Amino acid sequence: MGVGPFFNNLVPYGIDNGLTGDSIGRALFISTAMSIIGPISASFLIDKVDRSHAIFGALVVQILIILSFTGEISWIGFTLRAVCFQVAWNFVGPFLMGMIAGVDKSGNYSVMIPASQLGGISIGHAVIASLLNTGNPSLINYFSGAFIALSILIYFLLFKNKTA
């Protein structure tokens, strides 16, 4: 729920800041291409760092990046923020999936990871529509940041003793 509304809001946010559609497209292409850094970094670190620290750090970085999308922004600032957000998002994924696989011996919940991610992303469109009707598009970022913070809280409440 936090990622979908935020990422879906990047195009209107860029347009509101005077960026052209093709420059936004290039920025999102670059950020998506560079996002491979996240899972590659995770694969190198997964046995070297505490899972809780990695998850907490990556999710906090995501919140900070989301909240930095305010006011006027240049194409370079837009692109760098999008790259950092996608790297952080793709960094945390392997840690979360490993954690779920570690406690889900049947595999029944692990197979639902992609469905739950797509559900959150698709609900993001409805969230954006309702929040844009308020006339304050920055509410989307606050909503997204709040849901990611809620994810951190839920993670620590449910899995604080099950991480390695």
N, C-alpha and C. Protein backbone atom coordinates (compact mmCIF):
# COMPACT_ATOMS: atom_id res chain seq x y z
N MET A 1 0.80 -1.20 0.00
CA MET A 1 0.00 0.00 0.00
C MET A 1 0.84 1.27 0.00
N GLY A 2 2.03 1.23 0.59
CA GLY A 2 2.84 2.43 0.63
C GLY A 2 3.55 2.71 -0.68
N VAL A 3 4.01 1.66 -1.33
CA VAL A 3 4.81 1.83 -2.54
C VAL A 3 3.94 2.20 -3.73
N GLY A 4 2.78 1.53 -3.87
CA GLY A 4 1.92 1.75 -5.03
C GLY A 4 1.50 3.20 -5.21
N PRO A 5 0.88 3.81 -4.19
CA PRO A 5 0.45 5.20 -4.36
C PRO A 5 1.63 6.14 -4.63
N PHE A 6 2.74 5.92 -3.93
CA PHE A 6 3.89 6.80 -4.14
C PHE A 6 4.42 6.68 -5.56
N PHE A 7 4.67 5.46 -6.01
CA PHE A 7 5.28 5.29 -7.33
C PHE A 7 4.33 5.74 -8.43
N ASN A 8 3.03 5.49 -8.24
CA ASN A 8 2.05 5.94 -9.23
C ASN A 8 1.91 7.45 -9.27
N ASN A 9 2.32 8.13 -8.22
CA ASN A 9 2.23 9.59 -8.15
C ASN A 9 3.44 10.28 -8.78
N LEU A 10 4.46 9.54 -9.14
CA LEU A 10 5.67 10.18 -9.66
C LEU A 10 5.45 10.93 -10.97
N VAL A 11 4.64 10.37 -11.85
CA VAL A 11 4.42 11.05 -13.14
C VAL A 11 3.68 12.38 -12.93
N PRO A 12 2.53 12.39 -12.22
CA PRO A 12 1.89 13.70 -12.01
C PRO A 12 2.76 14.67 -11.22
N TYR A 13 3.53 14.15 -10.27
CA TYR A 13 4.43 15.01 -9.50
C TYR A 13 5.47 15.65 -10.42
N GLY A 14 6.05 14.85 -11.30
CA GLY A 14 7.04 15.38 -12.25
C GLY A 14 6.44 16.42 -13.17
N ILE A 15 5.24 16.15 -13.66
CA ILE A 15 4.57 17.09 -14.56
C ILE A 15 4.29 18.40 -13.82
N ASP A 16 3.84 18.30 -12.56
CA ASP A 16 3.58 19.51 -11.76
C ASP A 16 4.85 20.33 -11.54
N ASN A 17 6.01 19.69 -11.66
CA ASN A 17 7.28 20.39 -11.47
C ASN A 17 7.92 20.78 -12.80
N GLY A 18 7.14 20.75 -13.86
CA GLY A 18 7.61 21.24 -15.14
C GLY A 18 8.45 20.24 -15.93
N LEU A 19 8.51 18.99 -15.49
CA LEU A 19 9.24 17.99 -16.25
C LEU A 19 8.35 17.49 -17.38
N THR A 20 8.96 17.22 -18.52
CA THR A 20 8.19 16.71 -19.65
C THR A 20 7.95 15.21 -19.47
N GLY A 21 6.96 14.72 -20.18
CA GLY A 21 6.64 13.29 -20.11
C GLY A 21 7.81 12.41 -20.48
N ASP A 22 8.56 12.81 -21.53
CA ASP A 22 9.69 11.97 -21.94
C ASP A 22 10.83 12.04 -20.93
N SER A 23 11.02 13.17 -20.27
CA SER A 23 12.09 13.23 -19.26
C SER A 23 11.71 12.42 -18.02
N ILE A 24 10.43 12.41 -17.67
CA ILE A 24 9.96 11.56 -16.57
C ILE A 24 10.15 10.10 -16.94
N GLY A 25 9.81 9.76 -18.17
CA GLY A 25 9.99 8.38 -18.64
C GLY A 25 11.44 7.96 -18.58
N ARG A 26 12.35 8.84 -18.98
CA ARG A 26 13.78 8.51 -18.90
C ARG A 26 14.21 8.34 -17.45
N ALA A 27 13.74 9.20 -16.57
CA ALA A 27 14.10 9.09 -15.16
C ALA A 27 13.61 7.76 -14.58
N LEU A 28 12.38 7.38 -14.91
CA LEU A 28 11.84 6.13 -14.39
C LEU A 28 12.53 4.92 -15.02
N PHE A 29 12.92 5.05 -16.29
CA PHE A 29 13.71 3.97 -16.92
C PHE A 29 15.04 3.80 -16.20
N ILE A 30 15.72 4.91 -15.96
CA ILE A 30 17.01 4.85 -15.28
C ILE A 30 16.84 4.26 -13.88
N SER A 31 15.82 4.71 -13.17
CA SER A 31 15.62 4.21 -11.80
C SER A 31 15.31 2.72 -11.81
N THR A 32 14.52 2.28 -12.77
CA THR A 32 14.20 0.85 -12.84
C THR A 32 15.43 0.04 -13.22
N ALA A 33 16.21 0.53 -14.17
CA ALA A 33 17.43 -0.18 -14.56
C ALA A 33 18.42 -0.25 -13.40
N MET A 34 18.56 0.85 -12.67
CA MET A 34 19.52 0.89 -11.56
C MET A 34 19.02 0.13 -10.34
N SER A 35 17.74 -0.19 -10.29
CA SER A 35 17.19 -0.87 -9.12
C SER A 35 17.78 -2.26 -8.92
N ILE A 36 18.43 -2.80 -9.92
CA ILE A 36 19.09 -4.10 -9.78
C ILE A 36 20.17 -4.06 -8.70
N ILE A 37 20.65 -2.87 -8.39
CA ILE A 37 21.65 -2.72 -7.33
C ILE A 37 21.09 -3.22 -6.00
N GLY A 38 19.79 -3.04 -5.76
CA GLY A 38 19.18 -3.45 -4.51
C GLY A 38 19.28 -4.94 -4.23
N PRO A 39 18.74 -5.79 -5.12
CA PRO A 39 18.81 -7.22 -4.83
C PRO A 39 20.22 -7.79 -4.92
N ILE A 40 21.06 -7.20 -5.77
CA ILE A 40 22.45 -7.67 -5.82
C ILE A 40 23.14 -7.37 -4.49
N SER A 41 22.93 -6.16 -3.97
CA SER A 41 23.50 -5.80 -2.67
C SER A 41 22.96 -6.72 -1.57
N ALA A 42 21.66 -6.99 -1.62
CA ALA A 42 21.06 -7.87 -0.62
C ALA A 42 21.67 -9.26 -0.68
N SER A 43 21.92 -9.75 -1.89
CA SER A 43 22.48 -11.09 -2.00
C SER A 43 23.88 -11.17 -1.40
N PHE A 44 24.64 -10.09 -1.49
CA PHE A 44 25.97 -10.06 -0.89
C PHE A 44 25.91 -9.91 0.64
N LEU A 45 24.88 -9.25 1.13
CA LEU A 45 24.80 -8.92 2.55
C LEU A 45 23.89 -9.83 3.37
N ILE A 46 23.10 -10.65 2.72
CA ILE A 46 22.05 -11.38 3.42
C ILE A 46 22.57 -12.26 4.56
N ASP A 47 23.78 -12.79 4.43
CA ASP A 47 24.36 -13.60 5.50
C ASP A 47 25.29 -12.81 6.41
N LYS A 48 25.48 -11.54 6.10
CA LYS A 48 26.44 -10.72 6.83
C LYS A 48 25.81 -9.70 7.77
N VAL A 49 24.54 -9.37 7.55
CA VAL A 49 23.88 -8.37 8.37
C VAL A 49 22.62 -8.96 8.98
N ASP A 50 22.24 -8.43 10.11
CA ASP A 50 21.01 -8.84 10.76
C ASP A 50 19.82 -8.44 9.88
N ARG A 51 18.93 -9.37 9.64
CA ARG A 51 17.77 -9.11 8.77
C ARG A 51 16.95 -7.94 9.28
N SER A 52 16.75 -7.84 10.58
CA SER A 52 15.95 -6.74 11.13
C SER A 52 16.58 -5.39 10.83
N HIS A 53 17.90 -5.30 10.96
CA HIS A 53 18.57 -4.03 10.67
C HIS A 53 18.45 -3.66 9.18
N ALA A 54 18.61 -4.66 8.32
CA ALA A 54 18.51 -4.40 6.88
C ALA A 54 17.11 -3.94 6.50
N ILE A 55 16.10 -4.62 7.02
CA ILE A 55 14.71 -4.26 6.71
C ILE A 55 14.38 -2.88 7.26
N PHE A 56 14.72 -2.65 8.52
CA PHE A 56 14.45 -1.35 9.13
C PHE A 56 15.15 -0.24 8.36
N GLY A 57 16.42 -0.42 8.05
CA GLY A 57 17.19 0.61 7.34
C GLY A 57 16.62 0.92 5.98
N ALA A 58 16.30 -0.11 5.20
CA ALA A 58 15.78 0.11 3.85
C ALA A 58 14.41 0.78 3.89
N LEU A 59 13.56 0.38 4.84
CA LEU A 59 12.23 0.99 4.91
C LEU A 59 12.30 2.44 5.39
N VAL A 60 13.21 2.74 6.31
CA VAL A 60 13.38 4.13 6.75
C VAL A 60 13.90 4.98 5.58
N VAL A 61 14.83 4.44 4.81
CA VAL A 61 15.33 5.16 3.63
C VAL A 61 14.17 5.46 2.68
N GLN A 62 13.29 4.48 2.48
CA GLN A 62 12.14 4.71 1.60
C GLN A 62 11.26 5.85 2.12
N ILE A 63 11.00 5.85 3.42
CA ILE A 63 10.17 6.92 3.99
C ILE A 63 10.84 8.28 3.78
N LEU A 64 12.14 8.37 4.04
CA LEU A 64 12.86 9.64 3.88
C LEU A 64 12.82 10.11 2.43
N ILE A 65 12.97 9.18 1.50
CA ILE A 65 12.94 9.57 0.08
C ILE A 65 11.54 10.04 -0.30
N ILE A 66 10.53 9.31 0.14
CA ILE A 66 9.15 9.73 -0.16
C ILE A 66 8.89 11.14 0.35
N LEU A 67 9.31 11.41 1.58
CA LEU A 67 9.06 12.72 2.16
C LEU A 67 9.92 13.82 1.52
N SER A 68 10.99 13.41 0.81
CA SER A 68 11.82 14.42 0.13
C SER A 68 11.22 14.88 -1.19
N PHE A 69 10.19 14.22 -1.66
CA PHE A 69 9.52 14.63 -2.89
C PHE A 69 8.52 15.73 -2.58
N THR A 70 9.04 16.90 -2.23
CA THR A 70 8.18 18.05 -1.96
C THR A 70 8.76 19.27 -2.66
N GLY A 71 7.91 20.20 -2.96
CA GLY A 71 8.38 21.44 -3.57
C GLY A 71 8.92 21.22 -4.98
N GLU A 72 9.65 22.22 -5.44
CA GLU A 72 10.22 22.14 -6.79
C GLU A 72 11.41 21.19 -6.79
N ILE A 73 11.58 20.53 -7.93
CA ILE A 73 12.64 19.53 -8.04
C ILE A 73 13.14 19.52 -9.48
N SER A 74 14.44 19.40 -9.64
CA SER A 74 15.02 19.32 -10.99
C SER A 74 14.93 17.88 -11.49
N TRP A 75 15.23 17.70 -12.78
CA TRP A 75 15.22 16.36 -13.34
C TRP A 75 16.25 15.47 -12.65
N ILE A 76 17.43 16.01 -12.37
CA ILE A 76 18.47 15.23 -11.67
C ILE A 76 17.98 14.83 -10.28
N GLY A 77 17.39 15.76 -9.54
CA GLY A 77 16.87 15.45 -8.21
C GLY A 77 15.77 14.41 -8.27
N PHE A 78 14.89 14.53 -9.25
CA PHE A 78 13.81 13.58 -9.45
C PHE A 78 14.38 12.19 -9.74
N THR A 79 15.33 12.14 -10.65
CA THR A 79 15.92 10.86 -11.06
C THR A 79 16.67 10.21 -9.90
N LEU A 80 17.50 10.99 -9.20
CA LEU A 80 18.27 10.41 -8.09
C LEU A 80 17.36 9.88 -6.99
N ARG A 81 16.30 10.61 -6.69
CA ARG A 81 15.37 10.14 -5.66
C ARG A 81 14.66 8.86 -6.11
N ALA A 82 14.26 8.83 -7.38
CA ALA A 82 13.60 7.62 -7.90
C ALA A 82 14.56 6.43 -7.88
N VAL A 83 15.82 6.65 -8.24
CA VAL A 83 16.81 5.57 -8.20
C VAL A 83 16.98 5.07 -6.77
N CYS A 84 17.19 5.98 -5.84
CA CYS A 84 17.40 5.59 -4.44
C CYS A 84 16.20 4.85 -3.88
N PHE A 85 14.99 5.32 -4.23
CA PHE A 85 13.80 4.64 -3.74
C PHE A 85 13.72 3.22 -4.28
N GLN A 86 13.93 3.06 -5.57
CA GLN A 86 13.82 1.72 -6.16
C GLN A 86 14.92 0.79 -5.67
N VAL A 87 16.12 1.31 -5.47
CA VAL A 87 17.20 0.48 -4.94
C VAL A 87 16.83 0.00 -3.53
N ALA A 88 16.33 0.92 -2.69
CA ALA A 88 15.94 0.55 -1.33
C ALA A 88 14.80 -0.47 -1.35
N TRP A 89 13.81 -0.25 -2.21
CA TRP A 89 12.67 -1.17 -2.29
C TRP A 89 13.14 -2.56 -2.73
N ASN A 90 13.97 -2.63 -3.73
CA ASN A 90 14.43 -3.92 -4.22
C ASN A 90 15.49 -4.55 -3.32
N PHE A 91 16.11 -3.76 -2.45
CA PHE A 91 17.04 -4.29 -1.46
C PHE A 91 16.27 -5.03 -0.37
N VAL A 92 15.18 -4.46 0.09
CA VAL A 92 14.44 -5.05 1.21
C VAL A 92 13.68 -6.31 0.79
N GLY A 93 13.30 -6.41 -0.45
CA GLY A 93 12.51 -7.56 -0.92
C GLY A 93 13.10 -8.92 -0.59
N PRO A 94 14.35 -9.18 -0.94
CA PRO A 94 14.92 -10.50 -0.62
C PRO A 94 14.94 -10.80 0.88
N PHE A 95 15.17 -9.80 1.70
CA PHE A 95 15.15 -10.02 3.15
C PHE A 95 13.74 -10.39 3.63
N LEU A 96 12.74 -9.67 3.13
CA LEU A 96 11.36 -9.99 3.51
C LEU A 96 10.93 -11.36 3.00
N MET A 97 11.27 -11.66 1.75
CA MET A 97 10.90 -12.96 1.20
C MET A 97 11.60 -14.10 1.93
N GLY A 98 12.87 -13.90 2.29
CA GLY A 98 13.60 -14.91 3.06
C GLY A 98 12.98 -15.11 4.43
N MET A 99 12.55 -14.02 5.04
CA MET A 99 11.92 -14.11 6.35
C MET A 99 10.62 -14.89 6.26
N ILE A 100 9.81 -14.61 5.26
CA ILE A 100 8.54 -15.32 5.10
C ILE A 100 8.79 -16.79 4.79
N ALA A 101 9.73 -17.07 3.92
CA ALA A 101 10.05 -18.46 3.59
C ALA A 101 10.56 -19.21 4.80
N GLY A 102 11.28 -18.51 5.68
CA GLY A 102 11.82 -19.14 6.88
C GLY A 102 10.76 -19.57 7.88
N VAL A 103 9.63 -18.88 7.92
CA VAL A 103 8.57 -19.23 8.87
C VAL A 103 7.40 -19.95 8.21
N ASP A 104 7.38 -19.99 6.89
CA ASP A 104 6.28 -20.62 6.15
C ASP A 104 6.75 -21.96 5.58
N LYS A 105 6.73 -22.97 6.41
CA LYS A 105 7.22 -24.29 5.99
C LYS A 105 6.36 -24.92 4.91
N SER A 106 5.08 -24.59 4.86
CA SER A 106 4.18 -25.17 3.87
C SER A 106 4.32 -24.52 2.50
N GLY A 107 4.78 -23.28 2.48
CA GLY A 107 4.87 -22.53 1.22
C GLY A 107 3.57 -21.87 0.81
N ASN A 108 2.52 -22.04 1.61
CA ASN A 108 1.21 -21.47 1.27
C ASN A 108 1.22 -19.95 1.27
N TYR A 109 1.98 -19.33 2.15
CA TYR A 109 2.00 -17.87 2.23
C TYR A 109 3.05 -17.27 1.30
N SER A 110 4.14 -17.98 1.12
CA SER A 110 5.22 -17.47 0.25
C SER A 110 4.74 -17.24 -1.18
N VAL A 111 3.86 -18.12 -1.66
CA VAL A 111 3.38 -17.96 -3.03
C VAL A 111 2.47 -16.75 -3.19
N MET A 112 2.01 -16.20 -2.06
CA MET A 112 1.12 -15.04 -2.12
C MET A 112 1.87 -13.71 -2.12
N ILE A 113 3.20 -13.75 -2.00
CA ILE A 113 3.97 -12.51 -1.97
C ILE A 113 3.71 -11.66 -3.21
N PRO A 114 3.86 -12.20 -4.43
CA PRO A 114 3.61 -11.35 -5.60
C PRO A 114 2.17 -10.83 -5.66
N ALA A 115 1.21 -11.66 -5.28
CA ALA A 115 -0.18 -11.21 -5.32
C ALA A 115 -0.42 -10.07 -4.34
N SER A 116 0.16 -10.16 -3.16
CA SER A 116 -0.04 -9.09 -2.19
C SER A 116 0.64 -7.80 -2.64
N GLN A 117 1.81 -7.93 -3.27
CA GLN A 117 2.47 -6.73 -3.79
C GLN A 117 1.65 -6.08 -4.89
N LEU A 118 1.14 -6.88 -5.81
CA LEU A 118 0.33 -6.34 -6.90
C LEU A 118 -0.98 -5.76 -6.38
N GLY A 119 -1.53 -6.37 -5.33
CA GLY A 119 -2.75 -5.83 -4.73
C GLY A 119 -2.51 -4.44 -4.17
N GLY A 120 -1.40 -4.27 -3.47
CA GLY A 120 -1.08 -2.96 -2.92
C GLY A 120 -0.84 -1.92 -4.00
N ILE A 121 -0.15 -2.34 -5.06
CA ILE A 121 0.12 -1.41 -6.16
C ILE A 121 -1.18 -1.03 -6.87
N SER A 122 -2.06 -2.00 -7.10
CA SER A 122 -3.30 -1.69 -7.81
C SER A 122 -4.23 -0.82 -6.96
N ILE A 123 -4.27 -1.06 -5.66
CA ILE A 123 -5.08 -0.22 -4.78
C ILE A 123 -4.54 1.21 -4.79
N GLY A 124 -3.25 1.35 -5.08
CA GLY A 124 -2.63 2.66 -5.13
C GLY A 124 -3.32 3.62 -6.07
N HIS A 125 -3.83 3.12 -7.18
CA HIS A 125 -4.52 4.01 -8.13
C HIS A 125 -5.78 4.62 -7.49
N ALA A 126 -6.53 3.81 -6.78
CA ALA A 126 -7.74 4.33 -6.11
C ALA A 126 -7.37 5.31 -5.01
N VAL A 127 -6.29 5.01 -4.29
CA VAL A 127 -5.85 5.92 -3.22
C VAL A 127 -5.45 7.26 -3.82
N ILE A 128 -4.69 7.23 -4.91
CA ILE A 128 -4.26 8.48 -5.55
C ILE A 128 -5.48 9.29 -5.98
N ALA A 129 -6.43 8.62 -6.60
CA ALA A 129 -7.62 9.34 -7.08
C ALA A 129 -8.33 10.03 -5.92
N SER A 130 -8.50 9.33 -4.81
CA SER A 130 -9.22 9.94 -3.69
C SER A 130 -8.40 11.05 -3.03
N LEU A 131 -7.09 10.87 -2.94
CA LEU A 131 -6.26 11.90 -2.30
C LEU A 131 -6.07 13.12 -3.20
N LEU A 132 -6.05 12.92 -4.51
CA LEU A 132 -5.93 14.06 -5.42
C LEU A 132 -7.18 14.93 -5.37
N ASN A 133 -8.32 14.33 -5.05
CA ASN A 133 -9.56 15.11 -4.94
C ASN A 133 -9.52 16.10 -3.79
N THR A 134 -8.60 15.92 -2.85
CA THR A 134 -8.49 16.85 -1.73
C THR A 134 -7.80 18.15 -2.14
N GLY A 135 -7.12 18.13 -3.29
CA GLY A 135 -6.40 19.31 -3.75
C GLY A 135 -5.01 19.43 -3.14
N ASN A 136 -4.58 18.42 -2.39
CA ASN A 136 -3.27 18.44 -1.76
C ASN A 136 -2.52 17.15 -2.11
N PRO A 137 -1.81 17.14 -3.25
CA PRO A 137 -1.15 15.91 -3.69
C PRO A 137 -0.06 15.41 -2.74
N SER A 138 0.45 16.27 -1.86
CA SER A 138 1.47 15.80 -0.92
C SER A 138 0.90 14.81 0.08
N LEU A 139 -0.43 14.75 0.20
CA LEU A 139 -1.05 13.75 1.07
C LEU A 139 -0.70 12.33 0.62
N ILE A 140 -0.46 12.16 -0.67
CA ILE A 140 -0.09 10.84 -1.19
C ILE A 140 1.22 10.39 -0.56
N ASN A 141 2.18 11.30 -0.47
CA ASN A 141 3.47 10.95 0.12
C ASN A 141 3.32 10.66 1.60
N TYR A 142 2.52 11.45 2.30
CA TYR A 142 2.31 11.19 3.73
C TYR A 142 1.62 9.84 3.94
N PHE A 143 0.63 9.55 3.11
CA PHE A 143 -0.07 8.27 3.18
C PHE A 143 0.91 7.13 2.94
N SER A 144 1.73 7.25 1.91
CA SER A 144 2.70 6.20 1.58
C SER A 144 3.71 6.02 2.69
N GLY A 145 4.24 7.12 3.20
CA GLY A 145 5.19 7.05 4.31
C GLY A 145 4.58 6.40 5.54
N ALA A 146 3.32 6.73 5.82
CA ALA A 146 2.64 6.15 6.98
C ALA A 146 2.46 4.64 6.83
N PHE A 147 2.13 4.20 5.62
CA PHE A 147 1.96 2.76 5.42
C PHE A 147 3.28 2.02 5.50
N ILE A 148 4.35 2.62 5.04
CA ILE A 148 5.65 1.97 5.17
C ILE A 148 6.06 1.93 6.64
N ALA A 149 5.79 3.00 7.39
CA ALA A 149 6.06 3.00 8.83
C ALA A 149 5.22 1.92 9.53
N LEU A 150 3.98 1.78 9.11
CA LEU A 150 3.14 0.72 9.66
C LEU A 150 3.74 -0.66 9.35
N SER A 151 4.31 -0.81 8.17
CA SER A 151 4.97 -2.07 7.81
C SER A 151 6.12 -2.38 8.76
N ILE A 152 6.88 -1.36 9.10
CA ILE A 152 7.99 -1.54 10.04
C ILE A 152 7.45 -2.02 11.38
N LEU A 153 6.41 -1.37 11.85
CA LEU A 153 5.82 -1.73 13.14
C LEU A 153 5.29 -3.17 13.12
N ILE A 154 4.55 -3.52 12.11
CA ILE A 154 4.00 -4.87 12.00
C ILE A 154 5.13 -5.89 11.94
N TYR A 155 6.15 -5.60 11.15
CA TYR A 155 7.29 -6.51 11.04
C TYR A 155 7.89 -6.79 12.42
N PHE A 156 8.17 -5.75 13.17
CA PHE A 156 8.81 -5.94 14.47
C PHE A 156 7.88 -6.60 15.48
N LEU A 157 6.59 -6.33 15.40
CA LEU A 157 5.65 -6.98 16.32
C LEU A 157 5.53 -8.48 16.03
N LEU A 158 5.52 -8.85 14.76
CA LEU A 158 5.31 -10.24 14.39
C LEU A 158 6.58 -11.08 14.31
N PHE A 159 7.68 -10.45 13.91
CA PHE A 159 8.86 -11.25 13.60
C PHE A 159 10.10 -10.89 14.39
N LYS A 160 9.96 -10.12 15.44
CA LYS A 160 11.14 -9.67 16.16
C LYS A 160 11.98 -10.81 16.72
N ASN A 161 11.37 -11.93 17.05
CA ASN A 161 12.12 -13.06 17.60
C ASN A 161 12.43 -14.13 16.56
N LYS A 162 12.02 -13.91 15.31
CA LYS A 162 12.20 -14.93 14.28
C LYS A 162 13.20 -14.54 13.22
N THR A 163 13.94 -13.46 13.40
CA THR A 163 14.90 -13.02 12.40
C THR A 163 16.27 -13.58 12.71
N ALA A 164 17.05 -13.69 11.64
CA ALA A 164 18.42 -14.16 11.81
C ALA A 164 19.35 -13.33 10.97
